[in-house]
mmCIF file of all heavy atoms, coordinates in Angstrom:
data_MODEL
# 
_entry.id   MODEL 
# 
loop_
_atom_site.group_PDB 
_atom_site.id 
_atom_site.type_symbol 
_atom_site.label_atom_id 
_atom_site.label_alt_id 
_atom_site.label_comp_id 
_atom_site.label_asym_id 
_atom_site.label_entity_id 
_atom_site.label_seq_id 
_atom_site.pdbx_PDB_ins_code 
_atom_site.Cartn_x 
_atom_site.Cartn_y 
_atom_site.Cartn_z 
_atom_site.occupancy 
_atom_site.B_iso_or_equiv 
_atom_site.pdbx_formal_charge 
_atom_site.auth_seq_id 
_atom_site.auth_comp_id 
_atom_site.auth_asym_id 
_atom_site.auth_atom_id 
_atom_site.pdbx_PDB_model_num 
ATOM 1   N N   . LEU A 1 1  ? 98.847  233.057 -98.861  1.00 0.00 ? 1  LEU A N   1 
ATOM 2   C CA  . LEU A 1 1  ? 97.761  233.535 -97.880  1.00 0.00 ? 1  LEU A CA  1 
ATOM 3   C C   . LEU A 1 1  ? 98.423  234.198 -96.668  1.00 0.00 ? 1  LEU A C   1 
ATOM 4   O O   . LEU A 1 1  ? 99.506  233.688 -96.215  1.00 0.00 ? 1  LEU A O   1 
ATOM 5   C CB  . LEU A 1 1  ? 96.918  232.277 -97.247  1.00 0.00 ? 1  LEU A CB  1 
ATOM 6   C CG  . LEU A 1 1  ? 95.973  231.676 -98.290  1.00 0.00 ? 1  LEU A CG  1 
ATOM 7   C CD1 . LEU A 1 1  ? 95.525  230.283 -97.670  1.00 0.00 ? 1  LEU A CD1 1 
ATOM 8   C CD2 . LEU A 1 1  ? 94.808  232.477 -98.559  1.00 0.00 ? 1  LEU A CD2 1 
ATOM 9   N N   . PRO A 1 2  ? 97.840  235.382 -96.217  1.00 0.00 ? 2  PRO A N   1 
ATOM 10  C CA  . PRO A 1 2  ? 98.431  236.046 -95.098  1.00 0.00 ? 2  PRO A CA  1 
ATOM 11  C C   . PRO A 1 2  ? 98.576  235.081 -93.812  1.00 0.00 ? 2  PRO A C   1 
ATOM 12  O O   . PRO A 1 2  ? 97.612  234.143 -93.699  1.00 0.00 ? 2  PRO A O   1 
ATOM 13  C CB  . PRO A 1 2  ? 97.460  237.160 -94.763  1.00 0.00 ? 2  PRO A CB  1 
ATOM 14  C CG  . PRO A 1 2  ? 96.747  237.347 -96.117  1.00 0.00 ? 2  PRO A CG  1 
ATOM 15  C CD  . PRO A 1 2  ? 96.622  236.062 -96.702  1.00 0.00 ? 2  PRO A CD  1 
ATOM 16  N N   . GLY A 1 3  ? 99.555  235.226 -92.988  1.00 0.00 ? 3  GLY A N   1 
ATOM 17  C CA  . GLY A 1 3  ? 99.713  234.289 -91.878  1.00 0.00 ? 3  GLY A CA  1 
ATOM 18  C C   . GLY A 1 3  ? 98.604  234.083 -90.944  1.00 0.00 ? 3  GLY A C   1 
ATOM 19  O O   . GLY A 1 3  ? 98.210  233.017 -90.686  1.00 0.00 ? 3  GLY A O   1 
ATOM 20  N N   . LYS A 1 4  ? 97.925  235.186 -90.565  1.00 0.00 ? 4  LYS A N   1 
ATOM 21  C CA  . LYS A 1 4  ? 96.810  235.037 -89.563  1.00 0.00 ? 4  LYS A CA  1 
ATOM 22  C C   . LYS A 1 4  ? 95.670  234.445 -90.278  1.00 0.00 ? 4  LYS A C   1 
ATOM 23  O O   . LYS A 1 4  ? 94.959  233.565 -89.634  1.00 0.00 ? 4  LYS A O   1 
ATOM 24  C CB  . LYS A 1 4  ? 96.417  236.429 -89.115  1.00 0.00 ? 4  LYS A CB  1 
ATOM 25  C CG  . LYS A 1 4  ? 97.446  237.095 -88.149  1.00 0.00 ? 4  LYS A CG  1 
ATOM 26  C CD  . LYS A 1 4  ? 96.939  238.435 -87.618  1.00 0.00 ? 4  LYS A CD  1 
ATOM 27  C CE  . LYS A 1 4  ? 97.945  239.049 -86.647  1.00 0.00 ? 4  LYS A CE  1 
ATOM 28  N NZ  . LYS A 1 4  ? 97.572  240.279 -86.070  1.00 0.00 ? 4  LYS A NZ  1 
ATOM 29  N N   . GLN A 1 5  ? 95.312  234.678 -91.484  1.00 0.00 ? 5  GLN A N   1 
ATOM 30  C CA  . GLN A 1 5  ? 94.335  234.189 -92.202  1.00 0.00 ? 5  GLN A CA  1 
ATOM 31  C C   . GLN A 1 5  ? 94.568  232.619 -92.419  1.00 0.00 ? 5  GLN A C   1 
ATOM 32  O O   . GLN A 1 5  ? 93.640  231.817 -92.228  1.00 0.00 ? 5  GLN A O   1 
ATOM 33  C CB  . GLN A 1 5  ? 94.020  234.804 -93.540  1.00 0.00 ? 5  GLN A CB  1 
ATOM 34  C CG  . GLN A 1 5  ? 92.845  234.316 -94.238  1.00 0.00 ? 5  GLN A CG  1 
ATOM 35  C CD  . GLN A 1 5  ? 92.698  234.978 -95.628  1.00 0.00 ? 5  GLN A CD  1 
ATOM 36  O OE1 . GLN A 1 5  ? 93.541  235.667 -96.112  1.00 0.00 ? 5  GLN A OE1 1 
ATOM 37  N NE2 . GLN A 1 5  ? 91.448  234.903 -96.220  1.00 0.00 ? 5  GLN A NE2 1 
ATOM 38  N N   . LEU A 1 6  ? 95.801  232.270 -92.769  1.00 0.00 ? 6  LEU A N   1 
ATOM 39  C CA  . LEU A 1 6  ? 96.072  230.851 -92.992  1.00 0.00 ? 6  LEU A CA  1 
ATOM 40  C C   . LEU A 1 6  ? 95.846  230.094 -91.544  1.00 0.00 ? 6  LEU A C   1 
ATOM 41  O O   . LEU A 1 6  ? 95.373  229.030 -91.678  1.00 0.00 ? 6  LEU A O   1 
ATOM 42  C CB  . LEU A 1 6  ? 97.518  230.667 -93.415  1.00 0.00 ? 6  LEU A CB  1 
ATOM 43  C CG  . LEU A 1 6  ? 98.073  229.271 -93.591  1.00 0.00 ? 6  LEU A CG  1 
ATOM 44  C CD1 . LEU A 1 6  ? 97.139  228.525 -94.452  1.00 0.00 ? 6  LEU A CD1 1 
ATOM 45  C CD2 . LEU A 1 6  ? 99.450  229.266 -94.102  1.00 0.00 ? 6  LEU A CD2 1 
ATOM 46  N N   . ALA A 1 7  ? 96.464  230.675 -90.510  1.00 0.00 ? 7  ALA A N   1 
ATOM 47  C CA  . ALA A 1 7  ? 96.275  230.025 -89.193  1.00 0.00 ? 7  ALA A CA  1 
ATOM 48  C C   . ALA A 1 7  ? 94.801  229.755 -88.790  1.00 0.00 ? 7  ALA A C   1 
ATOM 49  O O   . ALA A 1 7  ? 94.448  228.616 -88.348  1.00 0.00 ? 7  ALA A O   1 
ATOM 50  C CB  . ALA A 1 7  ? 96.915  230.831 -88.151  1.00 0.00 ? 7  ALA A CB  1 
ATOM 51  N N   . LYS A 1 8  ? 93.875  230.792 -89.150  1.00 0.00 ? 8  LYS A N   1 
ATOM 52  C CA  . LYS A 1 8  ? 92.526  230.631 -88.836  1.00 0.00 ? 8  LYS A CA  1 
ATOM 53  C C   . LYS A 1 8  ? 91.859  229.521 -89.688  1.00 0.00 ? 8  LYS A C   1 
ATOM 54  O O   . LYS A 1 8  ? 91.081  228.753 -89.213  1.00 0.00 ? 8  LYS A O   1 
ATOM 55  C CB  . LYS A 1 8  ? 91.794  231.997 -89.035  1.00 0.00 ? 8  LYS A CB  1 
ATOM 56  C CG  . LYS A 1 8  ? 90.274  231.953 -88.731  1.00 0.00 ? 8  LYS A CG  1 
ATOM 57  C CD  . LYS A 1 8  ? 89.710  233.304 -88.911  1.00 0.00 ? 8  LYS A CD  1 
ATOM 58  C CE  . LYS A 1 8  ? 88.217  233.294 -88.560  1.00 0.00 ? 8  LYS A CE  1 
ATOM 59  N NZ  . LYS A 1 8  ? 87.470  234.538 -88.777  1.00 0.00 ? 8  LYS A NZ  1 
ATOM 60  N N   . MET A 1 9  ? 92.273  229.463 -91.091  1.00 0.00 ? 9  MET A N   1 
ATOM 61  C CA  . MET A 1 9  ? 91.703  228.527 -91.895  1.00 0.00 ? 9  MET A CA  1 
ATOM 62  C C   . MET A 1 9  ? 92.136  227.159 -91.536  1.00 0.00 ? 9  MET A C   1 
ATOM 63  O O   . MET A 1 9  ? 91.411  226.202 -91.571  1.00 0.00 ? 9  MET A O   1 
ATOM 64  C CB  . MET A 1 9  ? 92.195  228.730 -93.403  1.00 0.00 ? 9  MET A CB  1 
ATOM 65  C CG  . MET A 1 9  ? 91.555  229.935 -93.985  1.00 0.00 ? 9  MET A CG  1 
ATOM 66  S SD  . MET A 1 9  ? 92.304  230.228 -95.749  1.00 0.00 ? 9  MET A SD  1 
ATOM 67  C CE  . MET A 1 9  ? 91.067  231.371 -96.366  1.00 0.00 ? 9  MET A CE  1 
ATOM 68  N N   . ILE A 1 10 ? 93.378  226.951 -91.017  1.00 0.00 ? 10 ILE A N   1 
ATOM 69  C CA  . ILE A 1 10 ? 93.893  225.573 -90.505  1.00 0.00 ? 10 ILE A CA  1 
ATOM 70  C C   . ILE A 1 10 ? 93.054  225.213 -89.323  1.00 0.00 ? 10 ILE A C   1 
ATOM 71  O O   . ILE A 1 10 ? 92.650  224.103 -89.147  1.00 0.00 ? 10 ILE A O   1 
ATOM 72  C CB  . ILE A 1 10 ? 95.346  225.648 -90.284  1.00 0.00 ? 10 ILE A CB  1 
ATOM 73  C CG1 . ILE A 1 10 ? 96.125  225.792 -91.591  1.00 0.00 ? 10 ILE A CG1 1 
ATOM 74  C CG2 . ILE A 1 10 ? 95.804  224.359 -89.558  1.00 0.00 ? 10 ILE A CG2 1 
ATOM 75  C CD1 . ILE A 1 10 ? 97.550  225.985 -91.471  1.00 0.00 ? 10 ILE A CD1 1 
ATOM 76  N N   . GLU A 1 11 ? 92.837  226.177 -88.384  1.00 0.00 ? 11 GLU A N   1 
ATOM 77  C CA  . GLU A 1 11 ? 92.091  225.921 -87.178  1.00 0.00 ? 11 GLU A CA  1 
ATOM 78  C C   . GLU A 1 11 ? 90.691  225.476 -87.464  1.00 0.00 ? 11 GLU A C   1 
ATOM 79  O O   . GLU A 1 11 ? 90.106  224.616 -86.810  1.00 0.00 ? 11 GLU A O   1 
ATOM 80  C CB  . GLU A 1 11 ? 92.136  227.147 -86.240  1.00 0.00 ? 11 GLU A CB  1 
ATOM 81  C CG  . GLU A 1 11 ? 91.469  226.946 -84.914  1.00 0.00 ? 11 GLU A CG  1 
ATOM 82  C CD  . GLU A 1 11 ? 91.457  228.203 -84.132  1.00 0.00 ? 11 GLU A CD  1 
ATOM 83  O OE1 . GLU A 1 11 ? 92.096  229.258 -84.449  1.00 0.00 ? 11 GLU A OE1 1 
ATOM 84  O OE2 . GLU A 1 11 ? 90.757  228.308 -83.085  1.00 0.00 ? 11 GLU A OE2 1 
ATOM 85  N N   . GLU A 1 12 ? 90.142  226.179 -88.537  1.00 0.00 ? 12 GLU A N   1 
ATOM 86  C CA  . GLU A 1 12 ? 88.653  225.898 -88.864  1.00 0.00 ? 12 GLU A CA  1 
ATOM 87  C C   . GLU A 1 12 ? 88.592  224.630 -89.784  1.00 0.00 ? 12 GLU A C   1 
ATOM 88  O O   . GLU A 1 12 ? 87.446  224.328 -90.281  1.00 0.00 ? 12 GLU A O   1 
ATOM 89  C CB  . GLU A 1 12 ? 87.964  227.072 -89.505  1.00 0.00 ? 12 GLU A CB  1 
ATOM 90  C CG  . GLU A 1 12 ? 87.916  228.215 -88.454  1.00 0.00 ? 12 GLU A CG  1 
ATOM 91  C CD  . GLU A 1 12 ? 87.366  229.494 -89.119  1.00 0.00 ? 12 GLU A CD  1 
ATOM 92  O OE1 . GLU A 1 12 ? 87.384  229.572 -90.402  1.00 0.00 ? 12 GLU A OE1 1 
ATOM 93  O OE2 . GLU A 1 12 ? 87.011  230.481 -88.443  1.00 0.00 ? 12 GLU A OE2 1 
ATOM 94  N N   . LYS A 1 13 ? 89.679  224.068 -90.222  1.00 0.00 ? 13 LYS A N   1 
ATOM 95  C CA  . LYS A 1 13 ? 89.833  222.996 -91.231  1.00 0.00 ? 13 LYS A CA  1 
ATOM 96  C C   . LYS A 1 13 ? 89.307  223.265 -92.608  1.00 0.00 ? 13 LYS A C   1 
ATOM 97  O O   . LYS A 1 13 ? 88.832  222.486 -93.328  1.00 0.00 ? 13 LYS A O   1 
ATOM 98  C CB  . LYS A 1 13 ? 89.142  221.780 -90.577  1.00 0.00 ? 13 LYS A CB  1 
ATOM 99  C CG  . LYS A 1 13 ? 89.832  221.122 -89.381  1.00 0.00 ? 13 LYS A CG  1 
ATOM 100 C CD  . LYS A 1 13 ? 89.216  219.819 -89.104  1.00 0.00 ? 13 LYS A CD  1 
ATOM 101 C CE  . LYS A 1 13 ? 90.101  219.146 -87.918  1.00 0.00 ? 13 LYS A CE  1 
ATOM 102 N NZ  . LYS A 1 13 ? 91.463  219.018 -88.104  1.00 0.00 ? 13 LYS A NZ  1 
ATOM 103 N N   . THR A 1 14 ? 89.347  224.705 -92.754  1.00 0.00 ? 14 THR A N   1 
ATOM 104 C CA  . THR A 1 14 ? 89.083  225.036 -94.227  1.00 0.00 ? 14 THR A CA  1 
ATOM 105 C C   . THR A 1 14 ? 90.290  224.776 -95.053  1.00 0.00 ? 14 THR A C   1 
ATOM 106 O O   . THR A 1 14 ? 90.196  224.404 -96.279  1.00 0.00 ? 14 THR A O   1 
ATOM 107 C CB  . THR A 1 14 ? 88.951  226.668 -94.273  1.00 0.00 ? 14 THR A CB  1 
ATOM 108 O OG1 . THR A 1 14 ? 87.801  226.957 -93.427  1.00 0.00 ? 14 THR A OG1 1 
ATOM 109 C CG2 . THR A 1 14 ? 88.561  227.084 -95.759  1.00 0.00 ? 14 THR A CG2 1 
ATOM 110 N N   . VAL A 1 15 ? 91.523  224.716 -94.523  1.00 0.00 ? 15 VAL A N   1 
ATOM 111 C CA  . VAL A 1 15 ? 92.749  224.159 -95.062  1.00 0.00 ? 15 VAL A CA  1 
ATOM 112 C C   . VAL A 1 15 ? 93.252  223.123 -94.158  1.00 0.00 ? 15 VAL A C   1 
ATOM 113 O O   . VAL A 1 15 ? 93.390  223.230 -92.921  1.00 0.00 ? 15 VAL A O   1 
ATOM 114 C CB  . VAL A 1 15 ? 93.815  225.350 -95.249  1.00 0.00 ? 15 VAL A CB  1 
ATOM 115 C CG1 . VAL A 1 15 ? 95.147  224.774 -95.560  1.00 0.00 ? 15 VAL A CG1 1 
ATOM 116 C CG2 . VAL A 1 15 ? 93.372  226.470 -96.080  1.00 0.00 ? 15 VAL A CG2 1 
ATOM 117 N N   . GLU A 1 16 ? 93.348  221.870 -94.815  1.00 0.00 ? 16 GLU A N   1 
ATOM 118 C CA  . GLU A 1 16 ? 93.924  220.784 -94.146  1.00 0.00 ? 16 GLU A CA  1 
ATOM 119 C C   . GLU A 1 16 ? 95.179  220.271 -94.650  1.00 0.00 ? 16 GLU A C   1 
ATOM 120 O O   . GLU A 1 16 ? 95.240  220.169 -95.909  1.00 0.00 ? 16 GLU A O   1 
ATOM 121 C CB  . GLU A 1 16 ? 92.814  219.595 -94.247  1.00 0.00 ? 16 GLU A CB  1 
ATOM 122 C CG  . GLU A 1 16 ? 92.100  219.215 -92.918  1.00 0.00 ? 16 GLU A CG  1 
ATOM 123 C CD  . GLU A 1 16 ? 91.240  218.178 -93.135  1.00 0.00 ? 16 GLU A CD  1 
ATOM 124 O OE1 . GLU A 1 16 ? 90.099  218.344 -93.747  1.00 0.00 ? 16 GLU A OE1 1 
ATOM 125 O OE2 . GLU A 1 16 ? 91.581  216.938 -92.824  1.00 0.00 ? 16 GLU A OE2 1 
ATOM 126 N N   . ILE A 1 17 ? 96.097  219.845 -93.784  1.00 0.00 ? 17 ILE A N   1 
ATOM 127 C CA  . ILE A 1 17 ? 97.368  219.273 -94.282  1.00 0.00 ? 17 ILE A CA  1 
ATOM 128 C C   . ILE A 1 17 ? 97.531  218.015 -93.597  1.00 0.00 ? 17 ILE A C   1 
ATOM 129 O O   . ILE A 1 17 ? 97.666  218.102 -92.393  1.00 0.00 ? 17 ILE A O   1 
ATOM 130 C CB  . ILE A 1 17 ? 98.579  220.266 -94.082  1.00 0.00 ? 17 ILE A CB  1 
ATOM 131 C CG1 . ILE A 1 17 ? 98.330  221.549 -94.798  1.00 0.00 ? 17 ILE A CG1 1 
ATOM 132 C CG2 . ILE A 1 17 ? 99.850  219.622 -94.562  1.00 0.00 ? 17 ILE A CG2 1 
ATOM 133 C CD1 . ILE A 1 17 ? 99.441  222.483 -94.633  1.00 0.00 ? 17 ILE A CD1 1 
ATOM 134 N N   . ALA A 1 18 ? 97.574  216.774 -94.289  1.00 0.00 ? 18 ALA A N   1 
ATOM 135 C CA  . ALA A 1 18 ? 97.610  215.547 -93.542  1.00 0.00 ? 18 ALA A CA  1 
ATOM 136 C C   . ALA A 1 18 ? 98.312  214.575 -94.327  1.00 0.00 ? 18 ALA A C   1 
ATOM 137 O O   . ALA A 1 18 ? 98.354  214.564 -95.591  1.00 0.00 ? 18 ALA A O   1 
ATOM 138 C CB  . ALA A 1 18 ? 96.185  215.099 -93.299  1.00 0.00 ? 18 ALA A CB  1 
ATOM 139 N N   . PRO A 1 19 ? 98.891  213.505 -93.639  1.00 0.00 ? 19 PRO A N   1 
ATOM 140 C CA  . PRO A 1 19 ? 99.713  212.531 -94.383  1.00 0.00 ? 19 PRO A CA  1 
ATOM 141 C C   . PRO A 1 19 ? 98.582  211.644 -95.131  1.00 0.00 ? 19 PRO A C   1 
ATOM 142 O O   . PRO A 1 19 ? 97.443  211.542 -94.754  1.00 0.00 ? 19 PRO A O   1 
ATOM 143 C CB  . PRO A 1 19 ? 100.243 211.644 -93.117  1.00 0.00 ? 19 PRO A CB  1 
ATOM 144 C CG  . PRO A 1 19 ? 100.284 212.555 -92.005  1.00 0.00 ? 19 PRO A CG  1 
ATOM 145 C CD  . PRO A 1 19 ? 99.064  213.474 -92.176  1.00 0.00 ? 19 PRO A CD  1 
ATOM 146 N N   . LEU A 1 20 ? 99.197  210.996 -96.098  1.00 0.00 ? 20 LEU A N   1 
ATOM 147 C CA  . LEU A 1 20 ? 98.241  210.180 -97.010  1.00 0.00 ? 20 LEU A CA  1 
ATOM 148 C C   . LEU A 1 20 ? 97.552  209.139 -96.276  1.00 0.00 ? 20 LEU A C   1 
ATOM 149 O O   . LEU A 1 20 ? 96.346  208.871 -96.568  1.00 0.00 ? 20 LEU A O   1 
ATOM 150 C CB  . LEU A 1 20 ? 99.203  209.506 -98.137  1.00 0.00 ? 20 LEU A CB  1 
ATOM 151 C CG  . LEU A 1 20 ? 98.405  208.564 -99.028  1.00 0.00 ? 20 LEU A CG  1 
ATOM 152 C CD1 . LEU A 1 20 ? 97.372  209.322 -99.872  1.00 0.00 ? 20 LEU A CD1 1 
ATOM 153 C CD2 . LEU A 1 20 ? 99.484  208.041 -99.978  1.00 0.00 ? 20 LEU A CD2 1 
ATOM 154 N N   . ALA A 1 21 ? 98.155  208.521 -95.316  1.00 0.00 ? 21 ALA A N   1 
ATOM 155 C CA  . ALA A 1 21 ? 97.555  207.383 -94.434  1.00 0.00 ? 21 ALA A CA  1 
ATOM 156 C C   . ALA A 1 21 ? 96.239  207.900 -93.831  1.00 0.00 ? 21 ALA A C   1 
ATOM 157 O O   . ALA A 1 21 ? 95.342  207.118 -93.479  1.00 0.00 ? 21 ALA A O   1 
ATOM 158 C CB  . ALA A 1 21 ? 98.437  206.796 -93.463  1.00 0.00 ? 21 ALA A CB  1 
ATOM 159 N N   . PHE A 1 22 ? 96.119  209.168 -93.549  1.00 0.00 ? 22 PHE A N   1 
ATOM 160 C CA  . PHE A 1 22 ? 94.936  209.739 -92.898  1.00 0.00 ? 22 PHE A CA  1 
ATOM 161 C C   . PHE A 1 22 ? 93.700  209.914 -93.808  1.00 0.00 ? 22 PHE A C   1 
ATOM 162 O O   . PHE A 1 22 ? 92.634  210.299 -93.340  1.00 0.00 ? 22 PHE A O   1 
ATOM 163 C CB  . PHE A 1 22 ? 95.260  211.152 -92.190  1.00 0.00 ? 22 PHE A CB  1 
ATOM 164 C CG  . PHE A 1 22 ? 96.159  211.086 -91.039  1.00 0.00 ? 22 PHE A CG  1 
ATOM 165 C CD1 . PHE A 1 22 ? 96.943  209.906 -90.774  1.00 0.00 ? 22 PHE A CD1 1 
ATOM 166 C CD2 . PHE A 1 22 ? 96.223  212.114 -90.107  1.00 0.00 ? 22 PHE A CD2 1 
ATOM 167 C CE1 . PHE A 1 22 ? 97.713  209.786 -89.640  1.00 0.00 ? 22 PHE A CE1 1 
ATOM 168 C CE2 . PHE A 1 22 ? 97.016  212.069 -89.017  1.00 0.00 ? 22 PHE A CE2 1 
ATOM 169 C CZ  . PHE A 1 22 ? 97.871  210.901 -88.785  1.00 0.00 ? 22 PHE A CZ  1 
ATOM 170 N N   . MET A 1 23 ? 93.858  209.626 -95.092  1.00 0.00 ? 23 MET A N   1 
ATOM 171 C CA  . MET A 1 23 ? 92.785  209.831 -96.088  1.00 0.00 ? 23 MET A CA  1 
ATOM 172 C C   . MET A 1 23 ? 91.791  208.734 -96.124  1.00 0.00 ? 23 MET A C   1 
ATOM 173 O O   . MET A 1 23 ? 90.815  208.817 -96.687  1.00 0.00 ? 23 MET A O   1 
ATOM 174 C CB  . MET A 1 23 ? 93.391  210.077 -97.399  1.00 0.00 ? 23 MET A CB  1 
ATOM 175 C CG  . MET A 1 23 ? 94.216  211.435 -97.647  1.00 0.00 ? 23 MET A CG  1 
ATOM 176 S SD  . MET A 1 23 ? 93.247  212.918 -97.348  1.00 0.00 ? 23 MET A SD  1 
ATOM 177 C CE  . MET A 1 23 ? 93.829  213.512 -95.761  1.00 0.00 ? 23 MET A CE  1 
ATOM 178 N N   . ARG A 1 24 ? 92.255  207.599 -95.626  1.00 0.00 ? 24 ARG A N   1 
ATOM 179 C CA  . ARG A 1 24 ? 91.416  206.301 -95.780  1.00 0.00 ? 24 ARG A CA  1 
ATOM 180 C C   . ARG A 1 24 ? 90.042  206.558 -95.072  1.00 0.00 ? 24 ARG A C   1 
ATOM 181 O O   . ARG A 1 24 ? 89.881  207.054 -94.060  1.00 0.00 ? 24 ARG A O   1 
ATOM 182 C CB  . ARG A 1 24 ? 92.147  205.037 -95.215  1.00 0.00 ? 24 ARG A CB  1 
ATOM 183 C CG  . ARG A 1 24 ? 91.395  203.824 -95.442  1.00 0.00 ? 24 ARG A CG  1 
ATOM 184 C CD  . ARG A 1 24 ? 92.266  202.634 -94.818  1.00 0.00 ? 24 ARG A CD  1 
ATOM 185 N NE  . ARG A 1 24 ? 93.593  202.520 -95.624  1.00 0.00 ? 24 ARG A NE  1 
ATOM 186 C CZ  . ARG A 1 24 ? 93.621  201.860 -96.813  1.00 0.00 ? 24 ARG A CZ  1 
ATOM 187 N NH1 . ARG A 1 24 ? 92.584  201.423 -97.478  1.00 0.00 ? 24 ARG A NH1 1 
ATOM 188 N NH2 . ARG A 1 24 ? 94.840  201.867 -97.381  1.00 0.00 ? 24 ARG A NH2 1 
ATOM 189 N N   . GLY A 1 25 ? 88.976  206.101 -95.837  1.00 0.00 ? 25 GLY A N   1 
ATOM 190 C CA  . GLY A 1 25 ? 87.708  206.120 -95.291  1.00 0.00 ? 25 GLY A CA  1 
ATOM 191 C C   . GLY A 1 25 ? 86.960  207.492 -95.523  1.00 0.00 ? 25 GLY A C   1 
ATOM 192 O O   . GLY A 1 25 ? 85.705  207.504 -95.252  1.00 0.00 ? 25 GLY A O   1 
ATOM 193 N N   . ARG A 1 26 ? 87.606  208.397 -96.040  1.00 0.00 ? 26 ARG A N   1 
ATOM 194 C CA  . ARG A 1 26 ? 86.940  209.793 -96.243  1.00 0.00 ? 26 ARG A CA  1 
ATOM 195 C C   . ARG A 1 26 ? 86.412  209.887 -97.656  1.00 0.00 ? 26 ARG A C   1 
ATOM 196 O O   . ARG A 1 26 ? 86.944  209.264 -98.606  1.00 0.00 ? 26 ARG A O   1 
ATOM 197 C CB  . ARG A 1 26 ? 88.029  210.898 -95.985  1.00 0.00 ? 26 ARG A CB  1 
ATOM 198 C CG  . ARG A 1 26 ? 88.580  210.908 -94.627  1.00 0.00 ? 26 ARG A CG  1 
ATOM 199 C CD  . ARG A 1 26 ? 89.548  212.077 -94.399  1.00 0.00 ? 26 ARG A CD  1 
ATOM 200 N NE  . ARG A 1 26 ? 88.781  213.302 -94.494  1.00 0.00 ? 26 ARG A NE  1 
ATOM 201 C CZ  . ARG A 1 26 ? 89.426  214.501 -94.424  1.00 0.00 ? 26 ARG A CZ  1 
ATOM 202 N NH1 . ARG A 1 26 ? 90.844  214.568 -94.213  1.00 0.00 ? 26 ARG A NH1 1 
ATOM 203 N NH2 . ARG A 1 26 ? 88.728  215.600 -94.493  1.00 0.00 ? 26 ARG A NH2 1 
ATOM 204 N N   . THR A 1 27 ? 85.386  210.775 -97.755  1.00 0.00 ? 27 THR A N   1 
ATOM 205 C CA  . THR A 1 27 ? 84.978  211.180 -99.076  1.00 0.00 ? 27 THR A CA  1 
ATOM 206 C C   . THR A 1 27 ? 85.125  212.750 -99.164  1.00 0.00 ? 27 THR A C   1 
ATOM 207 O O   . THR A 1 27 ? 84.685  213.436 -98.321  1.00 0.00 ? 27 THR A O   1 
ATOM 208 C CB  . THR A 1 27 ? 83.483  210.872 -99.328  1.00 0.00 ? 27 THR A CB  1 
ATOM 209 O OG1 . THR A 1 27 ? 83.268  209.529 -99.205  1.00 0.00 ? 27 THR A OG1 1 
ATOM 210 C CG2 . THR A 1 27 ? 82.969  211.353 -100.722 1.00 0.00 ? 27 THR A CG2 1 
# 
């Protein structure tokens, strides 16, 4: 993904990167 597009997706949470411990309780 182009840098600017990726940054925007991360900001909008279209792309999420998180540690495994943060997944608890989510669907």
